[in-house]
Amino acid sequence: MSILGWVLFGFVVGLIARALMPGRDPLGLIGTTVLGIVGALLGGWVGQALGWYGPTDGAGFVSATLGAIVVLLIYNAVVRRRRVPGRPSSRGRDVDRAA
């Protein structure tokens, strides 16, 4: 697959992973594409380790999407851990609007 193919595949997989995960993610176009590409690499690596794919096979669509969901879960866990509770973020998304 060419570089452009990887980018398009990563973008589609990243969009699907973000659609399946609840909550807001501050990822833009590039972040979504990187999420999908890393998820496809993770899905392919796990698939090879489990014997689903050969050494020259790429990840399938389902395993790439599952890999992207795992990467998104890890990303959300790291981003949420970095936030200080009760303190607004630089973008103002954590501000308590009830007050």
PDB file of N, CA and C in Angstrom:
ATOM      1  N   MET A   1       0.848  -1.166   0.000  1.00  0.00           N
ATOM      2  CA  MET A   1       0.000   0.000   0.000  1.00  0.00           C
ATOM      3  C   MET A   1       0.897   1.234   0.000  1.00  0.00           C
ATOM      4  N   SER A   2       0.525   2.231  -0.765  1.00  0.00           N
ATOM      5  CA  SER A   2       1.316   3.456  -0.850  1.00  0.00           C
ATOM      6  C   SER A   2       1.098   4.316   0.399  1.00  0.00           C
ATOM      7  N   ILE A   3       1.912   5.338   0.510  1.00  0.00           N
ATOM      8  CA  ILE A   3       1.784   6.259   1.645  1.00  0.00           C
ATOM      9  C   ILE A   3       0.395   6.906   1.649  1.00  0.00           C
ATOM     10  N   LEU A   4      -0.056   7.324   0.481  1.00  0.00           N
ATOM     11  CA  LEU A   4      -1.385   7.941   0.393  1.00  0.00           C
ATOM     12  C   LEU A   4      -2.475   6.954   0.808  1.00  0.00           C
ATOM     13  N   GLY A   5      -2.311   5.690   0.445  1.00  0.00           N
ATOM     14  CA  GLY A   5      -3.268   4.659   0.852  1.00  0.00           C
ATOM     15  C   GLY A   5      -3.301   4.494   2.366  1.00  0.00           C
ATOM     16  N   TRP A   6      -2.120   4.495   2.999  1.00  0.00           N
ATOM     17  CA  TRP A   6      -2.057   4.386   4.459  1.00  0.00           C
ATOM     18  C   TRP A   6      -2.742   5.579   5.123  1.00  0.00           C
ATOM     19  N   VAL A   7      -2.516   6.771   4.568  1.00  0.00           N
ATOM     20  CA  VAL A   7      -3.113   7.972   5.151  1.00  0.00           C
ATOM     21  C   VAL A   7      -4.641   7.925   5.029  1.00  0.00           C
ATOM     22  N   LEU A   8      -5.142   7.571   3.864  1.00  0.00           N
ATOM     23  CA  LEU A   8      -6.592   7.482   3.686  1.00  0.00           C
ATOM     24  C   LEU A   8      -7.202   6.384   4.551  1.00  0.00           C
ATOM     25  N   PHE A   9      -6.558   5.228   4.590  1.00  0.00           N
ATOM     26  CA  PHE A   9      -7.037   4.126   5.421  1.00  0.00           C
ATOM     27  C   PHE A   9      -7.028   4.541   6.895  1.00  0.00           C
ATOM     28  N   GLY A  10      -5.946   5.184   7.335  1.00  0.00           N
ATOM     29  CA  GLY A  10      -5.853   5.647   8.721  1.00  0.00           C
ATOM     30  C   GLY A  10      -6.919   6.668   9.055  1.00  0.00           C
ATOM     31  N   PHE A  11      -7.207   7.570   8.119  1.00  0.00           N
ATOM     32  CA  PHE A  11      -8.230   8.577   8.367  1.00  0.00           C
ATOM     33  C   PHE A  11      -9.604   7.946   8.530  1.00  0.00           C
ATOM     34  N   VAL A  12      -9.943   7.008   7.651  1.00  0.00           N
ATOM     35  CA  VAL A  12     -11.253   6.349   7.733  1.00  0.00           C
ATOM     36  C   VAL A  12     -11.362   5.542   9.029  1.00  0.00           C
ATOM     37  N   VAL A  13     -10.321   4.790   9.352  1.00  0.00           N
ATOM     38  CA  VAL A  13     -10.333   3.984  10.584  1.00  0.00           C
ATOM     39  C   VAL A  13     -10.401   4.894  11.808  1.00  0.00           C
ATOM     40  N   GLY A  14      -9.661   5.997  11.800  1.00  0.00           N
ATOM     41  CA  GLY A  14      -9.709   6.944  12.913  1.00  0.00           C
ATOM     42  C   GLY A  14     -11.080   7.573  13.086  1.00  0.00           C
ATOM     43  N   LEU A  15     -11.736   7.913  11.975  1.00  0.00           N
ATOM     44  CA  LEU A  15     -13.090   8.463  12.064  1.00  0.00           C
ATOM     45  C   LEU A  15     -14.064   7.461  12.663  1.00  0.00           C
ATOM     46  N   ILE A  16     -13.964   6.213  12.241  1.00  0.00           N
ATOM     47  CA  ILE A  16     -14.869   5.187  12.758  1.00  0.00           C
ATOM     48  C   ILE A  16     -14.608   4.950  14.243  1.00  0.00           C
ATOM     49  N   ALA A  17     -13.337   4.893  14.631  1.00  0.00           N
ATOM     50  CA  ALA A  17     -13.010   4.690  16.053  1.00  0.00           C
ATOM     51  C   ALA A  17     -13.549   5.834  16.901  1.00  0.00           C
ATOM     52  N   ARG A  18     -13.410   7.072  16.420  1.00  0.00           N
ATOM     53  CA  ARG A  18     -13.926   8.219  17.173  1.00  0.00           C
ATOM     54  C   ARG A  18     -15.446   8.213  17.235  1.00  0.00           C
ATOM     55  N   ALA A  19     -16.095   7.721  16.173  1.00  0.00           N
ATOM     56  CA  ALA A  19     -17.560   7.655  16.169  1.00  0.00           C
ATOM     57  C   ALA A  19     -18.067   6.600  17.148  1.00  0.00           C
ATOM     58  N   LEU A  20     -17.310   5.528  17.324  1.00  0.00           N
ATOM     59  CA  LEU A  20     -17.734   4.446  18.211  1.00  0.00           C
ATOM     60  C   LEU A  20     -17.448   4.732  19.674  1.00  0.00           C
ATOM     61  N   MET A  21     -16.507   5.630  19.957  1.00  0.00           N
ATOM     62  CA  MET A  21     -16.155   5.958  21.335  1.00  0.00           C
ATOM     63  C   MET A  21     -16.982   7.142  21.824  1.00  0.00           C
ATOM     64  N   PRO A  22     -17.590   7.032  23.000  1.00  0.00           N
ATOM     65  CA  PRO A  22     -18.368   8.165  23.522  1.00  0.00           C
ATOM     66  C   PRO A  22     -17.450   9.267  24.031  1.00  0.00           C
ATOM     67  N   GLY A  23     -17.977  10.465  24.082  1.00  0.00           N
ATOM     68  CA  GLY A  23     -17.237  11.594  24.638  1.00  0.00           C
ATOM     69  C   GLY A  23     -16.618  12.463  23.567  1.00  0.00           C
ATOM     70  N   ARG A  24     -16.143  13.606  24.002  1.00  0.00           N
ATOM     71  CA  ARG A  24     -15.509  14.560  23.095  1.00  0.00           C
ATOM     72  C   ARG A  24     -14.015  14.305  23.061  1.00  0.00           C
ATOM     73  N   ASP A  25     -13.463  14.363  21.876  1.00  0.00           N
ATOM     74  CA  ASP A  25     -12.024  14.224  21.704  1.00  0.00           C
ATOM     75  C   ASP A  25     -11.509  15.454  20.975  1.00  0.00           C
ATOM     76  N   PRO A  26     -10.470  16.089  21.484  1.00  0.00           N
ATOM     77  CA  PRO A  26      -9.962  17.300  20.837  1.00  0.00           C
ATOM     78  C   PRO A  26      -9.035  17.015  19.662  1.00  0.00           C
ATOM     79  N   LEU A  27      -9.179  15.864  19.042  1.00  0.00           N
ATOM     80  CA  LEU A  27      -8.329  15.518  17.905  1.00  0.00           C
ATOM     81  C   LEU A  27      -8.838  16.200  16.642  1.00  0.00           C
ATOM     82  N   GLY A  28      -7.936  16.710  15.866  1.00  0.00           N
ATOM     83  CA  GLY A  28      -8.296  17.309  14.595  1.00  0.00           C
ATOM     84  C   GLY A  28      -8.104  16.304  13.468  1.00  0.00           C
ATOM     85  N   LEU A  29      -7.976  16.816  12.275  1.00  0.00           N
ATOM     86  CA  LEU A  29      -7.818  15.985  11.089  1.00  0.00           C
ATOM     87  C   LEU A  29      -6.535  15.157  11.156  1.00  0.00           C
ATOM     88  N   ILE A  30      -5.440  15.785  11.503  1.00  0.00           N
ATOM     89  CA  ILE A  30      -4.163  15.074  11.564  1.00  0.00           C
ATOM     90  C   ILE A  30      -4.157  14.090  12.716  1.00  0.00           C
ATOM     91  N   GLY A  31      -4.693  14.474  13.859  1.00  0.00           N
ATOM     92  CA  GLY A  31      -4.755  13.564  15.002  1.00  0.00           C
ATOM     93  C   GLY A  31      -5.601  12.335  14.718  1.00  0.00           C
ATOM     94  N   THR A  32      -6.706  12.519  14.024  1.00  0.00           N
ATOM     95  CA  THR A  32      -7.572  11.398  13.662  1.00  0.00           C
ATOM     96  C   THR A  32      -6.850  10.459  12.706  1.00  0.00           C
ATOM     97  N   THR A  33      -6.116  11.020  11.753  1.00  0.00           N
ATOM     98  CA  THR A  33      -5.373  10.204  10.797  1.00  0.00           C
ATOM     99  C   THR A  33      -4.268   9.428  11.491  1.00  0.00           C
ATOM    100  N   VAL A  34      -3.525  10.093  12.370  1.00  0.00           N
ATOM    101  CA  VAL A  34      -2.455   9.409  13.115  1.00  0.00           C
ATOM    102  C   VAL A  34      -3.045   8.318  14.001  1.00  0.00           C
ATOM    103  N   LEU A  35      -4.183   8.601  14.626  1.00  0.00           N
ATOM    104  CA  LEU A  35      -4.868   7.604  15.447  1.00  0.00           C
ATOM    105  C   LEU A  35      -5.177   6.356  14.623  1.00  0.00           C
ATOM    106  N   GLY A  36      -5.705   6.527  13.434  1.00  0.00           N
ATOM    107  CA  GLY A  36      -6.044   5.394  12.586  1.00  0.00           C
ATOM    108  C   GLY A  36      -4.830   4.628  12.116  1.00  0.00           C
ATOM    109  N   ILE A  37      -3.763   5.332  11.754  1.00  0.00           N
ATOM    110  CA  ILE A  37      -2.550   4.657  11.291  1.00  0.00           C
ATOM    111  C   ILE A  37      -1.916   3.859  12.426  1.00  0.00           C
ATOM    112  N   VAL A  38      -1.808   4.466  13.598  1.00  0.00           N
ATOM    113  CA  VAL A  38      -1.234   3.752  14.752  1.00  0.00           C
ATOM    114  C   VAL A  38      -2.128   2.581  15.143  1.00  0.00           C
ATOM    115  N   GLY A  39      -3.440   2.771  15.069  1.00  0.00           N
ATOM    116  CA  GLY A  39      -4.363   1.672  15.355  1.00  0.00           C
ATOM    117  C   GLY A  39      -4.222   0.533  14.371  1.00  0.00           C
ATOM    118  N   ALA A  40      -4.022   0.846  13.094  1.00  0.00           N
ATOM    119  CA  ALA A  40      -3.818  -0.200  12.082  1.00  0.00           C
ATOM    120  C   ALA A  40      -2.515  -0.946  12.330  1.00  0.00           C
ATOM    121  N   LEU A  41      -1.473  -0.217  12.708  1.00  0.00           N
ATOM    122  CA  LEU A  41      -0.206  -0.879  13.025  1.00  0.00           C
ATOM    123  C   LEU A  41      -0.353  -1.784  14.245  1.00  0.00           C
ATOM    124  N   LEU A  42      -1.049  -1.293  15.268  1.00  0.00           N
ATOM    125  CA  LEU A  42      -1.282  -2.104  16.466  1.00  0.00           C
ATOM    126  C   LEU A  42      -2.130  -3.324  16.137  1.00  0.00           C
ATOM    127  N   GLY A  43      -3.190  -3.121  15.357  1.00  0.00           N
ATOM    128  CA  GLY A  43      -4.048  -4.241  14.971  1.00  0.00           C
ATOM    129  C   GLY A  43      -3.297  -5.278  14.152  1.00  0.00           C
ATOM    130  N   GLY A  44      -2.427  -4.829  13.247  1.00  0.00           N
ATOM    131  CA  GLY A  44      -1.623  -5.757  12.457  1.00  0.00           C
ATOM    132  C   GLY A  44      -0.620  -6.516  13.305  1.00  0.00           C
ATOM    133  N   TRP A  45      -0.014  -5.821  14.267  1.00  0.00           N
ATOM    134  CA  TRP A  45       0.961  -6.475  15.139  1.00  0.00           C
ATOM    135  C   TRP A  45       0.294  -7.540  16.015  1.00  0.00           C
ATOM    136  N   VAL A  46      -0.850  -7.189  16.595  1.00  0.00           N
ATOM    137  CA  VAL A  46      -1.586  -8.156  17.424  1.00  0.00           C
ATOM    138  C   VAL A  46      -2.074  -9.316  16.562  1.00  0.00           C
ATOM    139  N   GLY A  47      -2.567  -9.016  15.355  1.00  0.00           N
ATOM    140  CA  GLY A  47      -3.023 -10.067  14.453  1.00  0.00           C
ATOM    141  C   GLY A  47      -1.911 -11.021  14.061  1.00  0.00           C
ATOM    142  N   GLN A  48      -0.704 -10.505  13.850  1.00  0.00           N
ATOM    143  CA  GLN A  48       0.436 -11.370  13.545  1.00  0.00           C
ATOM    144  C   GLN A  48       0.831 -12.198  14.763  1.00  0.00           C
ATOM    145  N   ALA A  49       0.770 -11.589  15.938  1.00  0.00           N
ATOM    146  CA  ALA A  49       1.123 -12.322  17.162  1.00  0.00           C
ATOM    147  C   ALA A  49       0.135 -13.461  17.435  1.00  0.00           C
ATOM    148  N   LEU A  50      -1.128 -13.269  17.055  1.00  0.00           N
ATOM    149  CA  LEU A  50      -2.144 -14.297  17.261  1.00  0.00           C
ATOM    150  C   LEU A  50      -2.248 -15.267  16.087  1.00  0.00           C
ATOM    151  N   GLY A  51      -1.483 -15.017  15.025  1.00  0.00           N
ATOM    152  CA  GLY A  51      -1.484 -15.902  13.879  1.00  0.00           C
ATOM    153  C   GLY A  51      -2.582 -15.629  12.868  1.00  0.00           C
ATOM    154  N   TRP A  52      -3.249 -14.478  12.966  1.00  0.00           N
ATOM    155  CA  TRP A  52      -4.311 -14.138  12.030  1.00  0.00           C
ATOM    156  C   TRP A  52      -3.741 -13.661  10.702  1.00  0.00           C
ATOM    157  N   TYR A  53      -2.581 -13.000  10.741  1.00  0.00           N
ATOM    158  CA  TYR A  53      -1.959 -12.435   9.561  1.00  0.00           C
ATOM    159  C   TYR A  53      -0.539 -12.966   9.431  1.00  0.00           C
ATOM    160  N   GLY A  54      -0.074 -13.018   8.188  1.00  0.00           N
ATOM    161  CA  GLY A  54       1.315 -13.375   7.934  1.00  0.00           C
ATOM    162  C   GLY A  54       2.206 -12.156   8.078  1.00  0.00           C
ATOM    163  N   PRO A  55       3.518 -12.348   7.978  1.00  0.00           N
ATOM    164  CA  PRO A  55       4.456 -11.227   8.155  1.00  0.00           C
ATOM    165  C   PRO A  55       4.304 -10.126   7.107  1.00  0.00           C
ATOM    166  N   THR A  56       3.815 -10.461   5.919  1.00  0.00           N
ATOM    167  CA  THR A  56       3.678  -9.455   4.869  1.00  0.00           C
ATOM    168  C   THR A  56       2.247  -8.951   4.725  1.00  0.00           C
ATOM    169  N   ASP A  57       1.320  -9.456   5.525  1.00  0.00           N
ATOM    170  CA  ASP A  57      -0.081  -9.029   5.446  1.00  0.00           C
ATOM    171  C   ASP A  57      -0.299  -7.769   6.267  1.00  0.00           C
ATOM    172  N   GLY A  58      -1.140  -6.904   5.760  1.00  0.00           N
ATOM    173  CA  GLY A  58      -1.541  -5.726   6.519  1.00  0.00           C
ATOM    174  C   GLY A  58      -2.699  -6.082   7.436  1.00  0.00           C
ATOM    175  N   ALA A  59      -3.032  -5.162   8.298  1.00  0.00           N
ATOM    176  CA  ALA A  59      -4.156  -5.393   9.210  1.00  0.00           C
ATOM    177  C   ALA A  59      -5.463  -5.321   8.434  1.00  0.00           C
ATOM    178  N   GLY A  60      -6.418  -6.118   8.828  1.00  0.00           N
ATOM    179  CA  GLY A  60      -7.742  -6.030   8.251  1.00  0.00           C
ATOM    180  C   GLY A  60      -8.477  -4.827   8.797  1.00  0.00           C
ATOM    181  N   PHE A  61      -9.590  -4.499   8.184  1.00  0.00           N
ATOM    182  CA  PHE A  61     -10.343  -3.319   8.563  1.00  0.00           C
ATOM    183  C   PHE A  61     -10.835  -3.406  10.006  1.00  0.00           C
ATOM    184  N   VAL A  62     -11.336  -4.564  10.401  1.00  0.00           N
ATOM    185  CA  VAL A  62     -11.878  -4.714  11.762  1.00  0.00           C
ATOM    186  C   VAL A  62     -10.766  -4.630  12.793  1.00  0.00           C
ATOM    187  N   SER A  63      -9.660  -5.323  12.561  1.00  0.00           N
ATOM    188  CA  SER A  63      -8.572  -5.278  13.548  1.00  0.00           C
ATOM    189  C   SER A  63      -7.931  -3.898  13.594  1.00  0.00           C
ATOM    190  N   ALA A  64      -7.864  -3.187  12.471  1.00  0.00           N
ATOM    191  CA  ALA A  64      -7.341  -1.823  12.479  1.00  0.00           C
ATOM    192  C   ALA A  64      -8.254  -0.902  13.282  1.00  0.00           C
ATOM    193  N   THR A  65      -9.560  -1.071  13.131  1.00  0.00           N
ATOM    194  CA  THR A  65     -10.511  -0.260  13.887  1.00  0.00           C
ATOM    195  C   THR A  65     -10.425  -0.573  15.381  1.00  0.00           C
ATOM    196  N   LEU A  66     -10.325  -1.848  15.724  1.00  0.00           N
ATOM    197  CA  LEU A  66     -10.173  -2.214  17.137  1.00  0.00           C
ATOM    198  C   LEU A  66      -8.866  -1.668  17.705  1.00  0.00           C
ATOM    199  N   GLY A  67      -7.800  -1.720  16.922  1.00  0.00           N
ATOM    200  CA  GLY A  67      -6.529  -1.146  17.358  1.00  0.00           C
ATOM    201  C   GLY A  67      -6.641   0.352  17.581  1.00  0.00           C
ATOM    202  N   ALA A  68      -7.361   1.045  16.695  1.00  0.00           N
ATOM    203  CA  ALA A  68      -7.548   2.490  16.849  1.00  0.00           C
ATOM    204  C   ALA A  68      -8.384   2.804  18.087  1.00  0.00           C
ATOM    205  N   ILE A  69      -9.359   1.966  18.392  1.00  0.00           N
ATOM    206  CA  ILE A  69     -10.163   2.173  19.604  1.00  0.00           C
ATOM    207  C   ILE A  69      -9.286   2.011  20.843  1.00  0.00           C
ATOM    208  N   VAL A  70      -8.404   1.034  20.844  1.00  0.00           N
ATOM    209  CA  VAL A  70      -7.493   0.836  21.979  1.00  0.00           C
ATOM    210  C   VAL A  70      -6.570   2.040  22.126  1.00  0.00           C
ATOM    211  N   VAL A  71      -6.032   2.528  21.013  1.00  0.00           N
ATOM    212  CA  VAL A  71      -5.163   3.709  21.058  1.00  0.00           C
ATOM    213  C   VAL A  71      -5.942   4.920  21.569  1.00  0.00           C
ATOM    214  N   LEU A  72      -7.185   5.073  21.146  1.00  0.00           N
ATOM    215  CA  LEU A  72      -8.013   6.184  21.610  1.00  0.00           C
ATOM    216  C   LEU A  72      -8.309   6.067  23.101  1.00  0.00           C
ATOM    217  N   LEU A  73      -8.553   4.865  23.593  1.00  0.00           N
ATOM    218  CA  LEU A  73      -8.753   4.666  25.039  1.00  0.00           C
ATOM    219  C   LEU A  73      -7.513   5.076  25.823  1.00  0.00           C
ATOM    220  N   ILE A  74      -6.347   4.680  25.337  1.00  0.00           N
ATOM    221  CA  ILE A  74      -5.092   5.050  26.009  1.00  0.00           C
ATOM    222  C   ILE A  74      -4.891   6.562  25.961  1.00  0.00           C
ATOM    223  N   TYR A  75      -5.162   7.165  24.811  1.00  0.00           N
ATOM    224  CA  TYR A  75      -5.028   8.617  24.666  1.00  0.00           C
ATOM    225  C   TYR A  75      -5.950   9.348  25.646  1.00  0.00           C
ATOM    226  N   ASN A  76      -7.210   8.924  25.707  1.00  0.00           N
ATOM    227  CA  ASN A  76      -8.162   9.569  26.630  1.00  0.00           C
ATOM    228  C   ASN A  76      -7.740   9.399  28.079  1.00  0.00           C
ATOM    229  N   ALA A  77      -7.216   8.236  28.441  1.00  0.00           N
ATOM    230  CA  ALA A  77      -6.761   8.016  29.813  1.00  0.00           C
ATOM    231  C   ALA A  77      -5.595   8.937  30.159  1.00  0.00           C
ATOM    232  N   VAL A  78      -4.678   9.133  29.228  1.00  0.00           N
ATOM    233  CA  VAL A  78      -3.520   9.998  29.479  1.00  0.00           C
ATOM    234  C   VAL A  78      -3.946  11.461  29.548  1.00  0.00           C
ATOM    235  N   VAL A  79      -4.817  11.894  28.649  1.00  0.00           N
ATOM    236  CA  VAL A  79      -5.255  13.290  28.639  1.00  0.00           C
ATOM    237  C   VAL A  79      -6.073  13.611  29.879  1.00  0.00           C
ATOM    238  N   ARG A  80      -6.954  12.728  30.288  1.00  0.00           N
ATOM    239  CA  ARG A  80      -7.765  12.978  31.495  1.00  0.00           C
ATOM    240  C   ARG A  80      -6.918  12.988  32.747  1.00  0.00           C
ATOM    241  N   ARG A  81      -5.872  12.187  32.781  1.00  0.00           N
ATOM    242  CA  ARG A  81      -5.010  12.141  33.960  1.00  0.00           C
ATOM    243  C   ARG A  81      -4.201  13.433  34.081  1.00  0.00           C
ATOM    244  N   ARG A  82      -3.880  14.072  32.957  1.00  0.00           N
ATOM    245  CA  ARG A  82      -3.083  15.291  32.983  1.00  0.00           C
ATOM    246  C   ARG A  82      -3.875  16.500  33.438  1.00  0.00           C
ATOM    247  N   ARG A  83      -5.198  16.480  33.321  1.00  0.00           N
ATOM    248  CA  ARG A  83      -6.025  17.612  33.730  1.00  0.00           C
ATOM    249  C   ARG A  83      -6.107  17.689  35.245  1.00  0.00           C
ATOM    250  N   VAL A  84      -6.156  18.906  35.748  1.00  0.00           N
ATOM    251  CA  VAL A  84      -6.311  19.131  37.179  1.00  0.00           C
ATOM    252  C   VAL A  84      -7.802  19.302  37.446  1.00  0.00           C
ATOM    253  N   PRO A  85      -8.399  18.496  38.346  1.00  0.00           N
ATOM    254  CA  PRO A  85      -9.832  18.623  38.619  1.00  0.00           C
ATOM    255  C   PRO A  85     -10.177  19.996  39.182  1.00  0.00           C
ATOM    256  N   GLY A  86     -11.292  20.560  38.715  1.00  0.00           N
ATOM    257  CA  GLY A  86     -11.759  21.833  39.221  1.00  0.00           C
ATOM    258  C   GLY A  86     -11.085  23.041  38.616  1.00  0.00           C
ATOM    259  N   ARG A  87     -10.148  22.828  37.755  1.00  0.00           N
ATOM    260  CA  ARG A  87      -9.429  23.935  37.125  1.00  0.00           C
ATOM    261  C   ARG A  87      -9.742  23.932  35.639  1.00  0.00           C
ATOM    262  N   PRO A  88     -10.168  25.060  35.079  1.00  0.00           N
ATOM    263  CA  PRO A  88     -10.523  25.082  33.656  1.00  0.00           C
ATOM    264  C   PRO A  88      -9.298  24.854  32.775  1.00  0.00           C
ATOM    265  N   SER A  89      -9.518  24.195  31.655  1.00  0.00           N
ATOM    266  CA  SER A  89      -8.427  23.969  30.712  1.00  0.00           C
ATOM    267  C   SER A  89      -8.166  25.255  29.936  1.00  0.00           C
ATOM    268  N   SER A  90      -7.153  25.249  29.099  1.00  0.00           N
ATOM    269  CA  SER A  90      -6.805  26.439  28.338  1.00  0.00           C
ATOM    270  C   SER A  90      -7.883  26.778  27.318  1.00  0.00           C
ATOM    271  N   ARG A  91      -8.695  25.809  26.926  1.00  0.00           N
ATOM    272  CA  ARG A  91      -9.762  26.046  25.965  1.00  0.00           C
ATOM    273  C   ARG A  91     -11.099  26.308  26.649  1.00  0.00           C
ATOM    274  N   GLY A  92     -11.160  26.216  27.962  1.00  0.00           N
ATOM    275  CA  GLY A  92     -12.377  26.518  28.689  1.00  0.00           C
ATOM    276  C   GLY A  92     -13.427  25.436  28.624  1.00  0.00           C
ATOM    277  N   ARG A  93     -13.081  24.230  28.282  1.00  0.00           N
ATOM    278  CA  ARG A  93     -14.063  23.163  28.156  1.00  0.00           C
ATOM    279  C   ARG A  93     -14.446  22.545  29.494  1.00  0.00           C
ATOM    280  N   ASP A  94     -13.609  22.708  30.503  1.00  0.00           N
ATOM    281  CA  ASP A  94     -13.873  22.099  31.795  1.00  0.00           C
ATOM    282  C   ASP A  94     -14.538  23.076  32.767  1.00  0.00           C
ATOM    283  N   VAL A  95     -14.982  24.212  32.299  1.00  0.00           N
ATOM    284  CA  VAL A  95     -15.570  25.220  33.172  1.00  0.00           C
ATOM    285  C   VAL A  95     -16.947  24.749  33.628  1.00  0.00           C
ATOM    286  N   ASP A  96     -17.215  24.906  34.908  1.00  0.00           N
ATOM    287  CA  ASP A  96     -18.506  24.532  35.460  1.00  0.00           C
ATOM    288  C   ASP A  96     -19.518  25.592  35.045  1.00  0.00           C
ATOM    289  N   ARG A  97     -20.428  25.241  34.164  1.00  0.00           N
ATOM    290  CA  ARG A  97     -21.405  26.193  33.630  1.00  0.00           C
ATOM    291  C   ARG A  97     -22.623  26.332  34.536  1.00  0.00           C
ATOM    292  N   ALA A  98     -22.742  25.508  35.568  1.00  0.00           N
ATOM    293  CA  ALA A  98     -23.903  25.562  36.446  1.00  0.00           C
ATOM    294  C   ALA A  98     -23.806  26.718  37.449  1.00  0.00           C
ATOM    295  N   ALA A  99     -22.609  27.228  37.653  1.00  0.00           N
ATOM    296  CA  ALA A  99     -22.410  28.265  38.662  1.00  0.00           C
ATOM    297  C   ALA A  99     -22.861  29.622  38.244  1.00  0.00           C
TER     298      ALA A  99
END
